[in-house]
Amino acid sequence: MIFLVFLFLHLAISTGSTSQLEDADDDNGGHSSEFKPMGYEWKMTELEYTPDLLDEIHTLTKRRSVLPSGAARSVVNRRSFDEEFYKFYRALPDFLRSFEVDAERVLRKYQLVGVVTGRIKSLSSLKKKMEQDGITDFREITDIVGIRVTLQTIGDILKFKQAYLHTFNESIDEIRCYGVCGPAVGISDPRAKFYWPWKGSGYRRLHFKVAIPELETAGEVQIGTPYMTLWADWEHEVVYKGPEELKQNSGVREYAQRLAKYYMTLDDLRNGMPPKCPRILKQANAKKVFGLEEWRVLGSPPNVCQFWNDLRTNMKSENKSKHRNGGA
């Protein structure tokens, strides 16, 4: 009975006026196919680092300096831009790796089972974002590099949230909690600069913006469940990047919201489902019981209590060989 009351309240809060909400970030986290397993070897060619795209991004970029008179002038030196941009992009894999390692450390320390994947935006994606948002400095795009942490339940997301905040408090610039943390997040954490129970589209996830002072930008940490990924991947292809007749159709948008509510209900139901794990399984060595390859595929579980196999939602099999250091 208590659970049903909780579910009703969650539904009421999360779906009360969905169509009235405004999206503050239209990226929707990116398709899961853009995210690669830990240790993936990123190559500049894969990131579409081509002369043509570099030229277009240079054209969109405007540097401004102030003259002694107080007047501003545009500074767009091609050689210095090329050197600066190349140095920026070459540094991204190292910062991505540090994000991944930090997330894995939190998972291990707090006995949470999850899969960590990472992404670096391609130059074509970066150019599109600059054009759409009128951005003239690529550093203002704070999700060029980022990770996704996929956890079993909403309860695990909230545990990870507190653990990550506790561990990396000083480096977190912003918290955006879409339909996950409950209405108290904007009150309990003053750094939550934006909060809605739902995005207008139905998107749900927890996002952290993590400062990267060395590059004068920030990276993104996304935390969600497999159901959140299933919905977001569908919406990304059908609505966000779909044909105009689908994007503009009110029936499609309403269906997207109803589908999001359906997955939210499944997340709520699953939140209390995991059975209590016996001590003998908690203390067993997961690497020895599963074997090294199975242990990696299962998301590097800290013990033998792991049982959710959908944590690997849409992870491509050809990436399995890219795993390193026990990453998922």
Protein backbone atom coordinates (compact mmCIF):
# COMPACT_ATOMS: atom_id res chain seq x y z
CA MET A 1 0.00 0.00 0.00
CA ILE A 2 2.83 2.39 0.91
CA PHE A 3 4.54 1.59 -2.38
CA LEU A 4 1.36 2.38 -4.35
CA VAL A 5 1.01 5.73 -2.59
CA PHE A 6 4.66 6.52 -3.38
CA LEU A 7 4.18 5.53 -7.02
CA PHE A 8 1.06 7.69 -7.30
CA LEU A 9 2.87 10.70 -5.83
CA HIS A 10 5.86 10.19 -8.11
CA LEU A 11 3.61 9.99 -11.15
CA ALA A 12 1.69 13.08 -10.07
CA ILE A 13 4.85 15.11 -9.54
CA SER A 14 6.57 13.88 -12.67
CA THR A 15 3.70 14.09 -15.15
CA GLY A 16 1.56 16.89 -13.79
CA SER A 17 2.02 19.40 -16.62
CA THR A 18 4.49 17.74 -18.95
CA SER A 19 3.44 19.59 -22.09
CA GLN A 20 3.98 22.96 -20.36
CA LEU A 21 7.66 22.39 -19.58
CA GLU A 22 10.44 23.99 -21.58
CA ASP A 23 13.57 22.12 -22.64
CA ALA A 24 16.72 23.95 -21.56
CA ASP A 25 19.08 21.56 -23.36
CA ASP A 26 18.00 20.05 -26.66
CA ASP A 27 20.84 17.53 -26.90
CA ASN A 28 18.97 14.81 -24.96
CA GLY A 29 22.22 13.25 -23.84
CA GLY A 30 23.21 11.75 -27.18
CA HIS A 31 22.50 8.32 -28.65
CA SER A 32 24.07 5.39 -26.79
CA SER A 33 25.93 4.38 -29.96
CA GLU A 34 28.09 7.49 -29.48
CA PHE A 35 29.32 6.17 -26.13
CA LYS A 36 32.18 3.67 -26.05
CA PRO A 37 33.38 1.30 -23.29
CA MET A 38 36.07 2.36 -20.86
CA GLY A 39 39.54 2.36 -22.35
CA TYR A 40 38.34 2.87 -25.92
CA GLU A 41 41.16 4.19 -28.11
CA TRP A 42 39.83 7.40 -29.65
CA LYS A 43 41.35 8.42 -32.98
CA MET A 44 41.27 11.88 -34.54
CA THR A 45 39.94 10.45 -37.82
CA GLU A 46 37.01 8.88 -35.95
CA LEU A 47 36.25 12.31 -34.52
CA GLU A 48 36.04 13.63 -38.10
CA TYR A 49 39.06 15.87 -37.67
CA THR A 50 39.19 16.98 -41.30
CA PRO A 51 40.40 20.23 -42.94
CA ASP A 52 36.92 21.08 -44.21
CA LEU A 53 35.23 20.78 -40.81
CA LEU A 54 38.11 22.55 -39.11
CA ASP A 55 37.69 25.41 -41.57
CA GLU A 56 33.95 25.66 -40.82
CA ILE A 57 34.52 25.69 -37.07
CA HIS A 58 37.20 28.34 -37.50
CA THR A 59 34.70 30.45 -39.42
CA LEU A 60 32.16 30.10 -36.58
CA THR A 61 34.73 30.96 -33.92
CA LYS A 62 35.17 34.58 -32.90
CA ARG A 63 37.83 35.67 -30.46
CA ARG A 64 37.46 39.17 -29.08
CA SER A 65 40.08 41.24 -27.29
CA VAL A 66 39.80 44.73 -25.81
CA LEU A 67 41.97 47.53 -27.13
CA PRO A 68 43.43 50.16 -24.74
CA SER A 69 40.68 52.50 -25.92
CA GLY A 70 38.06 50.06 -24.67
CA ALA A 71 36.93 49.09 -28.15
CA ALA A 72 36.68 45.41 -29.01
CA ARG A 73 38.31 43.82 -32.01
CA SER A 74 37.92 40.39 -33.54
CA VAL A 75 40.97 38.16 -33.33
CA VAL A 76 40.78 35.12 -35.60
CA ASN A 77 44.32 34.09 -36.47
CA ARG A 78 44.11 30.86 -38.44
CA ARG A 79 47.48 29.42 -37.45
CA SER A 80 46.99 30.06 -33.72
CA PHE A 81 43.41 28.76 -33.94
CA ASP A 82 44.54 25.51 -35.59
CA GLU A 83 47.23 24.95 -32.97
CA GLU A 84 44.90 25.78 -30.10
CA PHE A 85 42.05 23.64 -31.39
CA TYR A 86 44.30 20.65 -32.12
CA LYS A 87 45.83 20.84 -28.64
CA PHE A 88 42.32 21.03 -27.14
CA TYR A 89 41.03 17.94 -28.98
CA ARG A 90 44.19 15.91 -28.41
CA ALA A 91 43.77 16.44 -24.66
CA LEU A 92 40.14 15.24 -24.52
CA PRO A 93 40.80 11.45 -24.36
CA ASP A 94 42.94 11.91 -21.23
CA PHE A 95 40.25 13.94 -19.49
CA LEU A 96 37.62 11.42 -20.57
CA ARG A 97 39.72 8.65 -19.05
CA SER A 98 39.98 10.55 -15.76
CA PHE A 99 36.18 10.97 -15.70
CA GLU A 100 35.76 7.23 -16.28
CA VAL A 101 38.25 6.29 -13.56
CA ASP A 102 36.60 8.67 -11.08
CA ALA A 103 33.17 7.15 -11.76
CA GLU A 104 34.51 3.59 -11.43
CA ARG A 105 36.14 4.54 -8.13
CA VAL A 106 32.80 5.78 -6.78
CA LEU A 107 31.02 2.61 -7.95
CA ARG A 108 33.57 0.36 -6.23
CA LYS A 109 33.75 2.36 -3.01
CA TYR A 110 29.98 2.45 -2.54
CA GLN A 111 29.31 -1.09 -3.80
CA LEU A 112 27.18 0.00 -6.75
CA VAL A 113 26.90 -2.09 -9.91
CA GLY A 114 27.02 -0.03 -13.07
CA VAL A 115 28.45 0.36 -16.55
CA VAL A 116 30.59 3.38 -17.48
CA THR A 117 30.84 4.49 -21.11
CA GLY A 118 32.35 7.63 -22.64
CA ARG A 119 31.94 10.00 -25.55
CA ILE A 120 33.86 12.73 -27.35
CA LYS A 121 31.83 14.86 -29.75
CA SER A 122 32.88 14.68 -33.39
CA LEU A 123 33.71 17.88 -35.22
CA SER A 124 30.52 17.65 -37.28
CA SER A 125 28.46 17.39 -34.09
CA LEU A 126 30.39 20.28 -32.56
CA LYS A 127 29.81 22.44 -35.66
CA LYS A 128 26.10 21.68 -35.64
CA LYS A 129 25.83 22.62 -31.96
CA MET A 130 27.65 25.92 -32.55
CA GLU A 131 25.37 26.75 -35.47
CA GLN A 132 22.15 25.86 -33.67
CA ASP A 133 22.98 27.74 -30.47
CA GLY A 134 24.85 30.68 -31.99
CA ILE A 135 28.04 29.77 -30.11
CA THR A 136 31.27 31.47 -31.18
CA ASP A 137 33.66 29.77 -28.75
CA PHE A 138 33.76 25.96 -28.79
CA ARG A 139 34.74 25.96 -25.10
CA GLU A 140 31.24 27.12 -24.22
CA ILE A 141 29.92 23.69 -25.23
CA THR A 142 30.18 21.80 -21.97
CA ASP A 143 29.46 18.29 -23.19
CA ILE A 144 32.17 17.87 -25.84
CA VAL A 145 33.56 15.20 -23.55
CA GLY A 146 31.49 13.18 -21.11
CA ILE A 147 30.58 9.85 -19.61
CA ARG A 148 27.39 7.92 -19.01
CA VAL A 149 26.94 5.82 -15.88
CA THR A 150 24.14 3.26 -16.25
CA LEU A 151 22.85 1.94 -12.93
CA GLN A 152 20.25 -0.65 -11.98
CA THR A 153 17.62 1.48 -10.26
CA ILE A 154 16.58 5.04 -9.42
CA GLY A 155 17.67 4.32 -5.85
CA ASP A 156 21.16 3.56 -7.15
CA ILE A 157 21.16 6.86 -9.06
CA LEU A 158 20.44 8.78 -5.88
CA LYS A 159 23.17 6.88 -4.01
CA PHE A 160 25.63 7.63 -6.79
CA LYS A 161 24.56 11.30 -6.79
CA GLN A 162 25.36 11.73 -3.10
CA ALA A 163 28.61 9.75 -3.37
CA TYR A 164 29.81 11.69 -6.41
CA LEU A 165 28.93 15.04 -4.84
CA HIS A 166 30.74 14.06 -1.65
CA THR A 167 33.85 12.93 -3.53
CA PHE A 168 34.12 15.63 -6.22
CA ASN A 169 32.24 18.50 -4.65
CA GLU A 170 34.64 21.28 -5.63
CA SER A 171 34.77 20.44 -9.34
CA ILE A 172 31.01 20.26 -10.01
CA ASP A 173 29.70 23.45 -11.63
CA GLU A 174 26.09 22.49 -12.21
CA ILE A 175 23.50 19.83 -11.46
CA ARG A 176 20.53 19.13 -13.71
CA CYS A 177 18.13 16.50 -12.48
CA TYR A 178 15.48 15.53 -15.00
CA GLY A 179 12.64 13.50 -13.48
CA VAL A 180 14.89 11.55 -11.11
CA CYS A 181 15.74 13.39 -7.89
CA GLY A 182 12.34 14.61 -6.76
CA PRO A 183 11.13 18.17 -6.16
CA ALA A 184 13.50 18.84 -3.24
CA VAL A 185 16.63 18.93 -5.37
CA GLY A 186 16.39 22.63 -6.14
CA ILE A 187 16.04 23.41 -2.43
CA SER A 188 18.53 20.98 -0.96
CA ASP A 189 21.31 21.80 -3.42
CA PRO A 190 21.68 25.48 -4.37
CA ARG A 191 23.92 24.58 -7.32
CA ALA A 192 21.00 22.95 -9.13
CA LYS A 193 20.76 25.83 -11.58
CA PHE A 194 17.99 24.16 -13.53
CA TYR A 195 15.35 21.74 -12.43
CA TRP A 196 12.17 20.28 -13.86
CA PRO A 197 10.47 17.03 -12.80
CA TRP A 198 10.48 16.24 -16.54
CA LYS A 199 11.82 17.79 -19.67
CA GLY A 200 9.07 18.67 -22.12
CA SER A 201 10.06 15.77 -24.34
CA GLY A 202 9.98 13.20 -21.49
CA TYR A 203 13.77 12.93 -21.09
CA ARG A 204 14.93 11.65 -17.68
CA ARG A 205 18.47 11.54 -16.31
CA LEU A 206 20.76 13.16 -13.80
CA HIS A 207 23.50 15.39 -15.27
CA PHE A 208 26.59 16.89 -13.63
CA LYS A 209 28.71 19.56 -15.28
CA VAL A 210 32.30 18.99 -14.14
CA ALA A 211 34.88 21.74 -14.55
CA ILE A 212 37.99 21.17 -16.68
CA PRO A 213 40.02 24.29 -15.81
CA GLU A 214 42.99 23.21 -17.92
CA LEU A 215 40.84 23.47 -21.07
CA GLU A 216 38.64 26.35 -19.87
CA THR A 217 35.53 24.22 -20.35
CA ALA A 218 33.55 21.50 -18.60
CA GLY A 219 32.61 17.88 -19.19
CA GLU A 220 29.36 16.06 -18.56
CA VAL A 221 28.51 13.11 -16.35
CA GLN A 222 25.14 11.50 -17.12
CA ILE A 223 23.57 9.00 -14.72
CA GLY A 224 20.53 6.91 -15.62
CA THR A 225 18.93 3.48 -15.89
CA PRO A 226 18.64 1.16 -18.91
CA TYR A 227 14.99 2.22 -19.34
CA MET A 228 16.07 5.86 -19.55
CA THR A 229 18.51 4.90 -22.29
CA LEU A 230 15.89 2.87 -24.19
CA TRP A 231 13.55 5.85 -24.27
CA ALA A 232 16.24 8.41 -25.10
CA ASP A 233 17.61 6.34 -28.00
CA TRP A 234 14.12 5.97 -29.46
CA GLU A 235 13.36 9.69 -29.07
CA HIS A 236 16.75 10.67 -30.45
CA GLU A 237 16.16 8.83 -33.73
CA VAL A 238 12.41 9.37 -34.18
CA VAL A 239 11.84 12.88 -32.82
CA TYR A 240 15.11 14.75 -32.18
CA LYS A 241 16.76 13.73 -35.46
CA GLY A 242 13.69 12.35 -37.23
CA PRO A 243 11.86 13.76 -40.28
CA GLU A 244 10.03 17.07 -39.83
CA GLU A 245 6.57 15.49 -40.17
CA LEU A 246 7.31 13.41 -37.04
CA LYS A 247 9.01 16.22 -35.08
CA GLN A 248 6.07 18.59 -35.56
CA ASN A 249 3.29 16.03 -35.01
CA SER A 250 1.44 16.52 -31.71
CA GLY A 251 0.45 12.84 -31.63
CA VAL A 252 4.09 11.79 -31.83
CA ARG A 253 5.10 14.18 -29.04
CA GLU A 254 2.24 12.96 -26.85
CA TYR A 255 3.23 9.35 -27.51
CA ALA A 256 6.83 10.17 -26.55
CA GLN A 257 5.65 11.54 -23.22
CA ARG A 258 3.41 8.52 -22.60
CA LEU A 259 6.28 6.18 -23.46
CA ALA A 260 8.49 8.04 -20.99
CA LYS A 261 5.82 7.62 -18.29
CA TYR A 262 5.63 3.90 -19.07
CA TYR A 263 9.38 3.46 -18.62
CA MET A 264 9.27 5.58 -15.46
CA THR A 265 6.63 3.26 -14.02
CA LEU A 266 8.87 0.27 -14.77
CA ASP A 267 11.78 2.04 -13.06
CA ASP A 268 9.60 2.74 -10.01
CA LEU A 269 8.48 -0.88 -9.84
CA ARG A 270 12.01 -2.18 -10.24
CA ASN A 271 13.37 0.16 -7.61
CA GLY A 272 12.26 -2.13 -4.81
CA MET A 273 12.71 -5.45 -6.57
CA PRO A 274 16.34 -6.57 -5.98
CA PRO A 275 16.35 -9.42 -3.44
CA LYS A 276 18.64 -9.22 -0.44
CA CYS A 277 22.02 -10.62 -1.37
CA PRO A 278 23.47 -13.35 0.95
CA ARG A 279 26.76 -12.56 2.64
CA ILE A 280 28.51 -15.45 0.89
CA LEU A 281 27.79 -13.86 -2.52
CA LYS A 282 28.83 -10.41 -1.31
CA GLN A 283 32.17 -11.78 -0.17
CA ALA A 284 32.84 -13.96 -3.24
CA ASN A 285 35.42 -12.91 -5.84
CA ALA A 286 33.40 -11.93 -8.94
CA LYS A 287 36.39 -12.29 -11.29
CA LYS A 288 36.95 -15.89 -10.25
CA VAL A 289 33.28 -16.91 -10.26
CA PHE A 290 32.32 -15.31 -13.58
CA GLY A 291 35.69 -15.45 -15.32
CA LEU A 292 37.49 -12.33 -16.51
CA GLU A 293 35.60 -11.85 -19.81
CA GLU A 294 32.15 -12.43 -18.29
CA TRP A 295 33.10 -10.14 -15.40
CA ARG A 296 33.82 -7.34 -17.87
CA VAL A 297 30.65 -7.93 -19.88
CA LEU A 298 28.55 -7.81 -16.71
CA GLY A 299 29.93 -4.38 -15.89
CA SER A 300 32.77 -5.28 -13.51
CA PRO A 301 30.46 -6.19 -10.59
CA PRO A 302 32.04 -5.77 -7.13
CA ASN A 303 30.58 -9.11 -6.05
CA VAL A 304 28.48 -12.04 -7.31
CA CYS A 305 25.13 -10.40 -6.52
CA GLN A 306 24.98 -8.83 -10.01
CA PHE A 307 21.96 -9.93 -12.02
CA TRP A 308 20.73 -7.11 -14.23
CA ASN A 309 21.96 -7.93 -17.72
CA ASP A 310 20.28 -4.96 -19.40
CA LEU A 311 22.88 -2.57 -17.99
CA ARG A 312 24.69 -3.13 -21.29
CA THR A 313 21.87 -1.54 -23.30
CA ASN A 314 22.93 -1.01 -26.93
CA MET A 315 26.64 -1.48 -26.28
CA LYS A 316 28.13 -2.78 -29.54
CA SER A 317 29.82 -6.17 -29.38
CA GLU A 318 32.79 -5.01 -31.46
CA ASN A 319 33.76 -2.69 -28.61
CA LYS A 320 34.24 -5.51 -26.12
CA SER A 321 37.84 -6.03 -27.15
CA LYS A 322 38.53 -2.40 -26.31
CA HIS A 323 38.04 -2.94 -22.57
CA ARG A 324 41.02 -2.20 -20.39
CA ASN A 325 41.73 -2.21 -16.67
CA GLY A 326 38.52 -4.11 -15.91
CA GLY A 327 36.31 -1.40 -17.38
CA ALA A 328 32.84 -2.14 -18.69
